[in-house]
PDB file of all heavy atoms in Angstrom:
ATOM      1  N   VAL A   1      19.053  -6.263  -4.578  1.00  0.00           N
ATOM      2  CA  VAL A   1      17.996  -6.070  -5.570  1.00  0.00           C
ATOM      3  C   VAL A   1      18.111  -4.644  -6.070  1.00  0.00           C
ATOM      4  O   VAL A   1      18.059  -3.687  -5.284  1.00  0.00           O
ATOM      5  CB  VAL A   1      16.595  -6.318  -4.966  1.00  0.00           C
ATOM      6  CG1 VAL A   1      15.502  -5.870  -5.919  1.00  0.00           C
ATOM      7  CG2 VAL A   1      16.435  -7.791  -4.615  1.00  0.00           C
ATOM      8  N   ASP A   2      18.287  -4.496  -7.374  1.00  0.00           N
ATOM      9  CA  ASP A   2      18.384  -3.172  -7.974  1.00  0.00           C
ATOM     10  C   ASP A   2      17.007  -2.515  -7.910  1.00  0.00           C
ATOM     11  O   ASP A   2      16.070  -2.963  -8.554  1.00  0.00           O
ATOM     12  CB  ASP A   2      18.864  -3.284  -9.419  1.00  0.00           C
ATOM     13  CG  ASP A   2      19.215  -1.943 -10.024  1.00  0.00           C
ATOM     14  OD1 ASP A   2      18.656  -0.915  -9.579  1.00  0.00           O
ATOM     15  OD2 ASP A   2      20.033  -1.917 -10.950  1.00  0.00           O
ATOM     16  N   ALA A   3      16.915  -1.457  -7.110  1.00  0.00           N
ATOM     17  CA  ALA A   3      15.640  -0.766  -6.911  1.00  0.00           C
ATOM     18  C   ALA A   3      15.540   0.496  -7.755  1.00  0.00           C
ATOM     19  O   ALA A   3      14.644   1.317  -7.551  1.00  0.00           O
ATOM     20  CB  ALA A   3      15.459  -0.433  -5.436  1.00  0.00           C
ATOM     21  N   GLY A   4      16.459   0.670  -8.698  1.00  0.00           N
ATOM     22  CA  GLY A   4      16.364   1.801  -9.616  1.00  0.00           C
ATOM     23  C   GLY A   4      17.178   3.005  -9.179  1.00  0.00           C
ATOM     24  O   GLY A   4      18.151   2.886  -8.439  1.00  0.00           O
ATOM     25  N   THR A   5      16.755   4.157  -9.647  1.00  0.00           N
ATOM     26  CA  THR A   5      17.475   5.401  -9.382  1.00  0.00           C
ATOM     27  C   THR A   5      17.044   5.994  -8.040  1.00  0.00           C
ATOM     28  O   THR A   5      16.136   5.490  -7.375  1.00  0.00           O
ATOM     29  CB  THR A   5      17.197   6.430 -10.486  1.00  0.00           C
ATOM     30  OG1 THR A   5      15.827   6.831 -10.392  1.00  0.00           O
ATOM     31  CG2 THR A   5      17.496   5.869 -11.876  1.00  0.00           C
ATOM     32  N   ALA A   6      17.683   7.097  -7.693  1.00  0.00           N
ATOM     33  CA  ALA A   6      17.320   7.794  -6.451  1.00  0.00           C
ATOM     34  C   ALA A   6      15.848   8.229  -6.486  1.00  0.00           C
ATOM     35  O   ALA A   6      15.187   8.260  -5.446  1.00  0.00           O
ATOM     36  CB  ALA A   6      18.237   8.989  -6.241  1.00  0.00           C
ATOM     37  N   ASP A   7      15.342   8.528  -7.678  1.00  0.00           N
ATOM     38  CA  ASP A   7      13.927   8.901  -7.789  1.00  0.00           C
ATOM     39  C   ASP A   7      12.997   7.750  -7.437  1.00  0.00           C
ATOM     40  O   ASP A   7      11.832   7.965  -7.092  1.00  0.00           O
ATOM     41  CB  ASP A   7      13.604   9.377  -9.214  1.00  0.00           C
ATOM     42  CG  ASP A   7      14.224  10.721  -9.524  1.00  0.00           C
ATOM     43  OD1 ASP A   7      14.556  11.484  -8.576  1.00  0.00           O
ATOM     44  OD2 ASP A   7      14.374  11.038 -10.725  1.00  0.00           O
ATOM     45  N   ASP A   8      13.493   6.517  -7.508  1.00  0.00           N
ATOM     46  CA  ASP A   8      12.690   5.333  -7.182  1.00  0.00           C
ATOM     47  C   ASP A   8      12.813   4.926  -5.717  1.00  0.00           C
ATOM     48  O   ASP A   8      12.116   4.013  -5.266  1.00  0.00           O
ATOM     49  CB  ASP A   8      13.132   4.151  -8.053  1.00  0.00           C
ATOM     50  CG  ASP A   8      12.951   4.412  -9.531  1.00  0.00           C
ATOM     51  OD1 ASP A   8      11.872   4.889  -9.912  1.00  0.00           O
ATOM     52  OD2 ASP A   8      13.897   4.149 -10.299  1.00  0.00           O
ATOM     53  N   ALA A   9      13.684   5.574  -4.965  1.00  0.00           N
ATOM     54  CA  ALA A   9      13.967   5.162  -3.590  1.00  0.00           C
ATOM     55  C   ALA A   9      12.747   5.232  -2.682  1.00  0.00           C
ATOM     56  O   ALA A   9      12.678   4.515  -1.683  1.00  0.00           O
ATOM     57  CB  ALA A   9      15.100   6.006  -3.012  1.00  0.00           C
ATOM     58  N   TRP A  10      11.755   6.041  -3.014  1.00  0.00           N
ATOM     59  CA  TRP A  10      10.545   6.124  -2.184  1.00  0.00           C
ATOM     60  C   TRP A  10       9.868   4.756  -2.071  1.00  0.00           C
ATOM     61  O   TRP A  10       9.178   4.475  -1.100  1.00  0.00           O
ATOM     62  CB  TRP A  10       9.556   7.151  -2.739  1.00  0.00           C
ATOM     63  CG  TRP A  10       8.909   6.738  -4.024  1.00  0.00           C
ATOM     64  CD1 TRP A  10       9.359   6.995  -5.292  1.00  0.00           C
ATOM     65  CD2 TRP A  10       7.715   5.983  -4.161  1.00  0.00           C
ATOM     66  NE1 TRP A  10       8.519   6.419  -6.212  1.00  0.00           N
ATOM     67  CE2 TRP A  10       7.489   5.800  -5.542  1.00  0.00           C
ATOM     68  CE3 TRP A  10       6.811   5.428  -3.260  1.00  0.00           C
ATOM     69  CZ2 TRP A  10       6.392   5.092  -6.033  1.00  0.00           C
ATOM     70  CZ3 TRP A  10       5.721   4.729  -3.757  1.00  0.00           C
ATOM     71  CH2 TRP A  10       5.523   4.569  -5.130  1.00  0.00           C
ATOM     72  N   ARG A  11      10.107   3.865  -3.028  1.00  0.00           N
ATOM     73  CA  ARG A  11       9.474   2.543  -3.024  1.00  0.00           C
ATOM     74  C   ARG A  11       9.984   1.640  -1.899  1.00  0.00           C
ATOM     75  O   ARG A  11       9.408   0.597  -1.639  1.00  0.00           O
ATOM     76  CB  ARG A  11       9.692   1.849  -4.369  1.00  0.00           C
ATOM     77  CG  ARG A  11       8.988   2.556  -5.499  1.00  0.00           C
ATOM     78  CD  ARG A  11       9.155   1.829  -6.822  1.00  0.00           C
ATOM     79  NE  ARG A  11       8.381   2.486  -7.833  1.00  0.00           N
ATOM     80  CZ  ARG A  11       7.071   2.358  -8.009  1.00  0.00           C
ATOM     81  NH1 ARG A  11       6.383   1.568  -7.244  1.00  0.00           N
ATOM     82  NH2 ARG A  11       6.451   3.012  -8.966  1.00  0.00           N
ATOM     83  N   MET A  12      11.058   2.067  -1.226  1.00  0.00           N
ATOM     84  CA  MET A  12      11.586   1.264  -0.112  1.00  0.00           C
ATOM     85  C   MET A  12      11.603   2.056   1.184  1.00  0.00           C
ATOM     86  O   MET A  12      12.208   1.639   2.159  1.00  0.00           O
ATOM     87  CB  MET A  12      12.970   0.728  -0.456  1.00  0.00           C
ATOM     88  CG  MET A  12      14.008   1.766  -0.743  1.00  0.00           C
ATOM     89  SD  MET A  12      15.573   0.953  -1.101  1.00  0.00           S
ATOM     90  CE  MET A  12      16.330   2.157  -2.150  1.00  0.00           C
ATOM     91  N   GLN A  13      10.933   3.188   1.206  1.00  0.00           N
ATOM     92  CA  GLN A  13      10.891   3.994   2.412  1.00  0.00           C
ATOM     93  C   GLN A  13       9.912   3.419   3.433  1.00  0.00           C
ATOM     94  O   GLN A  13       9.148   2.492   3.143  1.00  0.00           O
ATOM     95  CB  GLN A  13      10.516   5.433   2.062  1.00  0.00           C
ATOM     96  CG  GLN A  13      11.618   6.149   1.314  1.00  0.00           C
ATOM     97  CD  GLN A  13      11.239   7.557   0.915  1.00  0.00           C
ATOM     98  OE1 GLN A  13      10.089   7.957   1.006  1.00  0.00           O
ATOM     99  NE2 GLN A  13      12.221   8.314   0.451  1.00  0.00           N
ATOM    100  N   ALA A  14       9.934   4.003   4.602  1.00  0.00           N
ATOM    101  CA  ALA A  14       9.104   3.538   5.720  1.00  0.00           C
ATOM    102  C   ALA A  14       7.655   3.316   5.306  1.00  0.00           C
ATOM    103  O   ALA A  14       7.046   4.150   4.645  1.00  0.00           O
ATOM    104  CB  ALA A  14       9.165   4.540   6.867  1.00  0.00           C
ATOM    105  N   ARG A  15       7.177   2.140   5.685  1.00  0.00           N
ATOM    106  CA  ARG A  15       5.777   1.710   5.551  1.00  0.00           C
ATOM    107  C   ARG A  15       5.355   1.345   4.133  1.00  0.00           C
ATOM    108  O   ARG A  15       4.184   1.203   3.847  1.00  0.00           O
ATOM    109  CB  ARG A  15       4.811   2.718   6.153  1.00  0.00           C
ATOM    110  CG  ARG A  15       5.151   3.174   7.549  1.00  0.00           C
ATOM    111  CD  ARG A  15       5.342   2.029   8.522  1.00  0.00           C
ATOM    112  NE  ARG A  15       5.821   2.573   9.779  1.00  0.00           N
ATOM    113  CZ  ARG A  15       6.834   2.071  10.467  1.00  0.00           C
ATOM    114  NH1 ARG A  15       7.459   1.009  10.058  1.00  0.00           N
ATOM    115  NH2 ARG A  15       7.217   2.630  11.582  1.00  0.00           N
ATOM    116  N   THR A  16       6.329   1.177   3.234  1.00  0.00           N
ATOM    117  CA  THR A  16       6.018   0.572   1.940  1.00  0.00           C
ATOM    118  C   THR A  16       6.160  -0.944   2.108  1.00  0.00           C
ATOM    119  O   THR A  16       6.763  -1.408   3.070  1.00  0.00           O
ATOM    120  CB  THR A  16       6.981   1.068   0.840  1.00  0.00           C
ATOM    121  OG1 THR A  16       8.312   0.683   1.186  1.00  0.00           O
ATOM    122  CG2 THR A  16       6.878   2.578   0.633  1.00  0.00           C
ATOM    123  N   PRO A  17       5.633  -1.745   1.181  1.00  0.00           N
ATOM    124  CA  PRO A  17       5.737  -3.196   1.310  1.00  0.00           C
ATOM    125  C   PRO A  17       7.177  -3.717   1.368  1.00  0.00           C
ATOM    126  O   PRO A  17       7.414  -4.804   1.891  1.00  0.00           O
ATOM    127  CB  PRO A  17       5.015  -3.719   0.070  1.00  0.00           C
ATOM    128  CG  PRO A  17       4.022  -2.656  -0.251  1.00  0.00           C
ATOM    129  CD  PRO A  17       4.737  -1.360   0.078  1.00  0.00           C
ATOM    130  N   ALA A  18       8.140  -2.945   0.884  1.00  0.00           N
ATOM    131  CA  ALA A  18       9.541  -3.383   0.896  1.00  0.00           C
ATOM    132  C   ALA A  18      10.262  -3.008   2.184  1.00  0.00           C
ATOM    133  O   ALA A  18      11.366  -3.467   2.419  1.00  0.00           O
ATOM    134  CB  ALA A  18      10.288  -2.774  -0.293  1.00  0.00           C
ATOM    135  N   TYR A  19       9.645  -2.198   3.023  1.00  0.00           N
ATOM    136  CA  TYR A  19      10.308  -1.661   4.212  1.00  0.00           C
ATOM    137  C   TYR A  19      10.173  -2.588   5.409  1.00  0.00           C
ATOM    138  O   TYR A  19       9.063  -2.912   5.837  1.00  0.00           O
ATOM    139  CB  TYR A  19       9.706  -0.297   4.566  1.00  0.00           C
ATOM    140  CG  TYR A  19      10.269   0.312   5.822  1.00  0.00           C
ATOM    141  CD1 TYR A  19      11.484   0.979   5.804  1.00  0.00           C
ATOM    142  CD2 TYR A  19       9.583   0.228   7.018  1.00  0.00           C
ATOM    143  CE1 TYR A  19      12.008   1.538   6.952  1.00  0.00           C
ATOM    144  CE2 TYR A  19      10.094   0.787   8.179  1.00  0.00           C
ATOM    145  CZ  TYR A  19      11.298   1.443   8.140  1.00  0.00           C
ATOM    146  OH  TYR A  19      11.810   2.000   9.275  1.00  0.00           O
ATOM    147  N   CYS A  20      11.301  -3.037   5.932  1.00  0.00           N
ATOM    148  CA  CYS A  20      11.345  -3.805   7.184  1.00  0.00           C
ATOM    149  C   CYS A  20      10.387  -4.993   7.149  1.00  0.00           C
ATOM    150  O   CYS A  20       9.586  -5.196   8.054  1.00  0.00           O
ATOM    151  CB  CYS A  20      11.030  -2.878   8.354  1.00  0.00           C
ATOM    152  SG  CYS A  20      11.411  -3.578   9.965  1.00  0.00           S
ATOM    153  N   THR A  21      10.475  -5.782   6.056  1.00  0.00           N
ATOM    154  CA  THR A  21       9.581  -6.927   5.908  1.00  0.00           C
ATOM    155  C   THR A  21      10.325  -8.232   5.655  1.00  0.00           C
ATOM    156  O   THR A  21       9.694  -9.265   5.475  1.00  0.00           O
ATOM    157  CB  THR A  21       8.546  -6.678   4.791  1.00  0.00           C
ATOM    158  OG1 THR A  21       9.205  -6.229   3.610  1.00  0.00           O
ATOM    159  CG2 THR A  21       7.515  -5.647   5.212  1.00  0.00           C
ATOM    160  N   ASP A  22      11.655  -8.215   5.653  1.00  0.00           N
ATOM    161  CA  ASP A  22      12.479  -9.420   5.529  1.00  0.00           C
ATOM    162  C   ASP A  22      12.011 -10.350   4.411  1.00  0.00           C
ATOM    163  O   ASP A  22      11.492 -11.433   4.645  1.00  0.00           O
ATOM    164  CB  ASP A  22      12.526 -10.184   6.859  1.00  0.00           C
ATOM    165  CG  ASP A  22      13.435  -9.535   7.872  1.00  0.00           C
ATOM    166  OD1 ASP A  22      14.034  -8.485   7.563  1.00  0.00           O
ATOM    167  OD2 ASP A  22      13.569 -10.077   8.981  1.00  0.00           O
ATOM    168  N   LEU A  23      12.233  -9.933   3.176  1.00  0.00           N
ATOM    169  CA  LEU A  23      11.792 -10.683   2.005  1.00  0.00           C
ATOM    170  C   LEU A  23      12.978 -11.251   1.245  1.00  0.00           C
ATOM    171  O   LEU A  23      14.086 -10.707   1.302  1.00  0.00           O
ATOM    172  CB  LEU A  23      10.996  -9.757   1.071  1.00  0.00           C
ATOM    173  CG  LEU A  23       9.783  -9.076   1.689  1.00  0.00           C
ATOM    174  CD1 LEU A  23       9.196  -8.059   0.714  1.00  0.00           C
ATOM    175  CD2 LEU A  23       8.738 -10.095   2.098  1.00  0.00           C
ATOM    176  N   ASP A  24      12.734 -12.321   0.482  1.00  0.00           N
ATOM    177  CA  ASP A  24      13.772 -12.811  -0.419  1.00  0.00           C
ATOM    178  C   ASP A  24      13.768 -11.935  -1.676  1.00  0.00           C
ATOM    179  O   ASP A  24      12.920 -11.043  -1.824  1.00  0.00           O
ATOM    180  CB  ASP A  24      13.597 -14.302  -0.724  1.00  0.00           C
ATOM    181  CG  ASP A  24      12.347 -14.649  -1.511  1.00  0.00           C
ATOM    182  OD1 ASP A  24      11.839 -13.813  -2.309  1.00  0.00           O
ATOM    183  OD2 ASP A  24      11.861 -15.787  -1.353  1.00  0.00           O
ATOM    184  N   ALA A  25      14.693 -12.175  -2.582  1.00  0.00           N
ATOM    185  CA  ALA A  25      14.859 -11.300  -3.753  1.00  0.00           C
ATOM    186  C   ALA A  25      13.606 -11.256  -4.628  1.00  0.00           C
ATOM    187  O   ALA A  25      13.193 -10.175  -5.062  1.00  0.00           O
ATOM    188  CB  ALA A  25      16.073 -11.731  -4.570  1.00  0.00           C
ATOM    189  N   ARG A  26      12.995 -12.394  -4.879  1.00  0.00           N
ATOM    190  CA  ARG A  26      11.788 -12.415  -5.714  1.00  0.00           C
ATOM    191  C   ARG A  26      10.657 -11.637  -5.049  1.00  0.00           C
ATOM    192  O   ARG A  26       9.999 -10.810  -5.691  1.00  0.00           O
ATOM    193  CB  ARG A  26      11.352 -13.856  -5.980  1.00  0.00           C
ATOM    194  CG  ARG A  26      10.155 -13.984  -6.912  1.00  0.00           C
ATOM    195  CD  ARG A  26       9.701 -15.434  -7.071  1.00  0.00           C
ATOM    196  NE  ARG A  26       9.434 -16.084  -5.800  1.00  0.00           N
ATOM    197  CZ  ARG A  26       8.330 -15.898  -5.070  1.00  0.00           C
ATOM    198  NH1 ARG A  26       7.402 -15.065  -5.470  1.00  0.00           N
ATOM    199  NH2 ARG A  26       8.168 -16.526  -3.924  1.00  0.00           N
TER     200      ARG A  26
END
């Protein structure tokens, strides 16, 4: 899943909804 630029990487850091939650692409 394209999560954007390095400036957007915070959206997948620890304790965000995308972090360690085993989700499908959608």
